[in-house]
Structures are given as structure tokens and as C-alpha cells.
């Protein structure tokens, strides 16, 4: 079996599949990854690959969050004036009910 297939095979414990890749990065980027690696795990057991994977996951999560925010903004900006007024009234009603429930 090839090395890449071994790397992408499901491991015990339900870990997700990973794929081996090789990248050429600027020295500055390598230094930053090494710094982040050292800062995240003082025992030195955390790999640079794991740190890079975490960074990419965080970036993707942030991109998805922004996409949802933009979709919500587009939705509310696209409402008619009547719908905006009605939505505001429902919000005010909900807020008043919330405040009554916390007293």
C-alpha cells in the first residue's frame, strides 16, 4: 500500500482521514508555525502539521461564520418596510417578555 493511502486511512478512535501533502513555505511562515507549535504545547509533542491544520480549520470556521452573517444581513436588508416594522415589533415584544421572566 502506498504511503499516501496509509496516511489517509481511518485510524482507531474515529479520527478523520488525513492526506499527506508537501508544501514549500517562506522561512517567515515556517518560523511562525514553529513559534505557534511551541506556544500551544510546551511539551513539544504537538506537530507543526497539527498547528497548520488548526489554523486552516479556524480560518474555514471564520469564513463560514462570515458567510452566515452576510446571508442574514442580506435577508433583513431585503425585507419590505412593512416586514421590517413587524419584525421590530416582534423583537420588542420578545425583549419585554424576556425582561418580565427575569424579574
C-alpha atoms as a PDB file:
ATOM      1  CA  UNK A   1       0.000   0.000   0.000  1.00  0.00           C
ATOM      2  CA  UNK A   2       1.326   3.465  -0.812  1.00  0.00           C
ATOM      3  CA  UNK A   3       2.358   5.968   1.778  1.00  0.00           C
ATOM      4  CA  UNK A   4      -0.480   8.385   0.960  1.00  0.00           C
ATOM      5  CA  UNK A   5      -3.066   5.638   1.351  1.00  0.00           C
ATOM      6  CA  UNK A   6      -1.609   4.748   4.734  1.00  0.00           C
ATOM      7  CA  UNK A   7      -1.799   8.380   5.802  1.00  0.00           C
ATOM      8  CA  UNK A   8      -5.399   8.746   4.678  1.00  0.00           C
ATOM      9  CA  UNK A   9      -6.705   5.531   6.192  1.00  0.00           C
ATOM     10  CA  UNK A  10      -9.116   5.846   9.121  1.00  0.00           C
ATOM     11  CA  UNK A  11      -7.335   5.360  12.428  1.00  0.00           C
ATOM     12  CA  UNK A  12      -8.731   3.824  15.588  1.00  0.00           C
ATOM     13  CA  UNK A  13     -10.834   6.101  17.753  1.00  0.00           C
ATOM     14  CA  UNK A  14     -12.799   7.568  14.859  1.00  0.00           C
ATOM     15  CA  UNK A  15     -10.207  10.114  13.797  1.00  0.00           C
ATOM     16  CA  UNK A  16     -10.796  11.686  10.455  1.00  0.00           C
ATOM     17  CA  UNK A  17      -8.850  10.734   7.392  1.00  0.00           C
ATOM     18  CA  UNK A  18      -5.753  12.756   6.646  1.00  0.00           C
ATOM     19  CA  UNK A  19      -3.787  13.148   3.494  1.00  0.00           C
ATOM     20  CA  UNK A  20      -0.056  13.643   3.216  1.00  0.00           C
ATOM     21  CA  UNK A  21       0.960  16.796   1.305  1.00  0.00           C
ATOM     22  CA  UNK A  22       4.230  18.569   0.816  1.00  0.00           C
ATOM     23  CA  UNK A  23       4.421  22.365   0.723  1.00  0.00           C
ATOM     24  CA  UNK A  24       7.129  24.918   0.182  1.00  0.00           C
ATOM     25  CA  UNK A  25       6.694  27.846   2.544  1.00  0.00           C
ATOM     26  CA  UNK A  26       8.575  31.062   3.195  1.00  0.00           C
ATOM     27  CA  UNK A  27      11.057  30.989   6.071  1.00  0.00           C
ATOM     28  CA  UNK A  28       8.925  33.536   7.883  1.00  0.00           C
ATOM     29  CA  UNK A  29       5.898  31.208   7.660  1.00  0.00           C
ATOM     30  CA  UNK A  30       7.932  28.245   8.911  1.00  0.00           C
ATOM     31  CA  UNK A  31       9.197  30.330  11.832  1.00  0.00           C
ATOM     32  CA  UNK A  32       5.647  31.378  12.700  1.00  0.00           C
ATOM     33  CA  UNK A  33       4.414  27.781  12.592  1.00  0.00           C
ATOM     34  CA  UNK A  34       7.290  26.697  14.826  1.00  0.00           C
ATOM     35  CA  UNK A  35       6.513  29.520  17.266  1.00  0.00           C
ATOM     36  CA  UNK A  36       2.829  28.619  17.354  1.00  0.00           C
ATOM     37  CA  UNK A  37       3.702  24.975  17.810  1.00  0.00           C
ATOM     38  CA  UNK A  38       5.921  25.755  20.795  1.00  0.00           C
ATOM     39  CA  UNK A  39       3.356  28.127  22.298  1.00  0.00           C
ATOM     40  CA  UNK A  40       0.475  25.642  22.032  1.00  0.00           C
ATOM     41  CA  UNK A  41       2.246  22.731  23.611  1.00  0.00           C
ATOM     42  CA  UNK A  42       5.189  23.250  25.921  1.00  0.00           C
ATOM     43  CA  UNK A  43       5.960  19.511  25.937  1.00  0.00           C
ATOM     44  CA  UNK A  44       6.886  19.683  22.240  1.00  0.00           C
ATOM     45  CA  UNK A  45       4.580  16.796  21.298  1.00  0.00           C
ATOM     46  CA  UNK A  46       2.364  18.889  19.047  1.00  0.00           C
ATOM     47  CA  UNK A  47       3.412  18.764  15.413  1.00  0.00           C
ATOM     48  CA  UNK A  48       3.738  21.692  13.047  1.00  0.00           C
ATOM     49  CA  UNK A  49       1.264  19.888  10.780  1.00  0.00           C
ATOM     50  CA  UNK A  50      -1.313  19.837  13.585  1.00  0.00           C
ATOM     51  CA  UNK A  51      -0.826  23.561  14.189  1.00  0.00           C
ATOM     52  CA  UNK A  52      -1.204  24.316  10.483  1.00  0.00           C
ATOM     53  CA  UNK A  53      -4.310  22.117  10.338  1.00  0.00           C
ATOM     54  CA  UNK A  54      -5.799  24.001  13.320  1.00  0.00           C
ATOM     55  CA  UNK A  55      -5.073  27.349  11.664  1.00  0.00           C
ATOM     56  CA  UNK A  56      -6.782  26.267   8.457  1.00  0.00           C
ATOM     57  CA  UNK A  57      -9.785  24.909  10.353  1.00  0.00           C
ATOM     58  CA  UNK A  58     -10.091  28.184  12.273  1.00  0.00           C
ATOM     59  CA  UNK A  59      -9.890  30.157   9.050  1.00  0.00           C
ATOM     60  CA  UNK A  60     -12.572  27.997   7.456  1.00  0.00           C
ATOM     61  CA  UNK A  61     -14.830  28.300  10.504  1.00  0.00           C
ATOM     62  CA  UNK A  62     -14.458  32.091  10.422  1.00  0.00           C
ATOM     63  CA  UNK A  63     -15.227  32.190   6.685  1.00  0.00           C
ATOM     64  CA  UNK A  64     -18.400  30.155   7.245  1.00  0.00           C
ATOM     65  CA  UNK A  65     -19.458  32.395  10.141  1.00  0.00           C
ATOM     66  CA  UNK A  66     -18.999  35.496   7.978  1.00  0.00           C
ATOM     67  CA  UNK A  67     -20.978  33.896   5.146  1.00  0.00           C
ATOM     68  CA  UNK A  68     -23.890  33.248   7.534  1.00  0.00           C
ATOM     69  CA  UNK A  69     -23.702  36.811   8.858  1.00  0.00           C
ATOM     70  CA  UNK A  70     -23.758  38.177   5.308  1.00  0.00           C
ATOM     71  CA  UNK A  71     -26.730  35.971   4.402  1.00  0.00           C
ATOM     72  CA  UNK A  72     -28.651  37.173   7.468  1.00  0.00           C
ATOM     73  CA  UNK A  73     -27.819  40.794   6.637  1.00  0.00           C
ATOM     74  CA  UNK A  74     -28.953  40.328   3.029  1.00  0.00           C
ATOM     75  CA  UNK A  75     -32.181  38.725   4.249  1.00  0.00           C
ATOM     76  CA  UNK A  76     -33.066  41.525   6.634  1.00  0.00           C
ATOM     77  CA  UNK A  77     -31.980  44.252   4.213  1.00  0.00           C
ATOM     78  CA  UNK A  78     -34.239  42.681   1.594  1.00  0.00           C
ATOM     79  CA  UNK A  79     -37.366  42.803   3.742  1.00  0.00           C
ATOM     80  CA  UNK A  80     -40.109  45.216   2.845  1.00  0.00           C
ATOM     81  CA  UNK A  81     -40.618  48.207   5.119  1.00  0.00           C
ATOM     82  CA  UNK A  82     -43.808  46.604   6.489  1.00  0.00           C
ATOM     83  CA  UNK A  83     -41.947  43.364   7.282  1.00  0.00           C
ATOM     84  CA  UNK A  84     -39.133  45.312   8.963  1.00  0.00           C
ATOM     85  CA  UNK A  85     -41.614  47.145  11.200  1.00  0.00           C
ATOM     86  CA  UNK A  86     -43.380  43.879  12.045  1.00  0.00           C
ATOM     87  CA  UNK A  87     -40.059  42.191  12.799  1.00  0.00           C
ATOM     88  CA  UNK A  88     -39.036  45.077  15.058  1.00  0.00           C
ATOM     89  CA  UNK A  89     -42.346  44.868  16.927  1.00  0.00           C
ATOM     90  CA  UNK A  90     -41.894  41.137  17.479  1.00  0.00           C
ATOM     91  CA  UNK A  91     -38.377  41.799  18.748  1.00  0.00           C
ATOM     92  CA  UNK A  92     -39.599  44.417  21.196  1.00  0.00           C
ATOM     93  CA  UNK A  93     -42.382  42.095  22.376  1.00  0.00           C
ATOM     94  CA  UNK A  94     -39.884  39.245  22.876  1.00  0.00           C
ATOM     95  CA  UNK A  95     -37.496  41.505  24.774  1.00  0.00           C
ATOM     96  CA  UNK A  96     -40.312  42.699  27.074  1.00  0.00           C
ATOM     97  CA  UNK A  97     -41.334  39.077  27.738  1.00  0.00           C
ATOM     98  CA  UNK A  98     -37.734  38.161  28.476  1.00  0.00           C
ATOM     99  CA  UNK A  99     -37.387  41.028  30.933  1.00  0.00           C
ATOM    100  CA  UNK A 100     -40.651  40.050  32.651  1.00  0.00           C
ATOM    101  CA  UNK A 101     -39.361  36.492  33.031  1.00  0.00           C
ATOM    102  CA  UNK A 102     -36.073  37.553  34.666  1.00  0.00           C
ATOM    103  CA  UNK A 103     -37.674  39.730  37.342  1.00  0.00           C
END
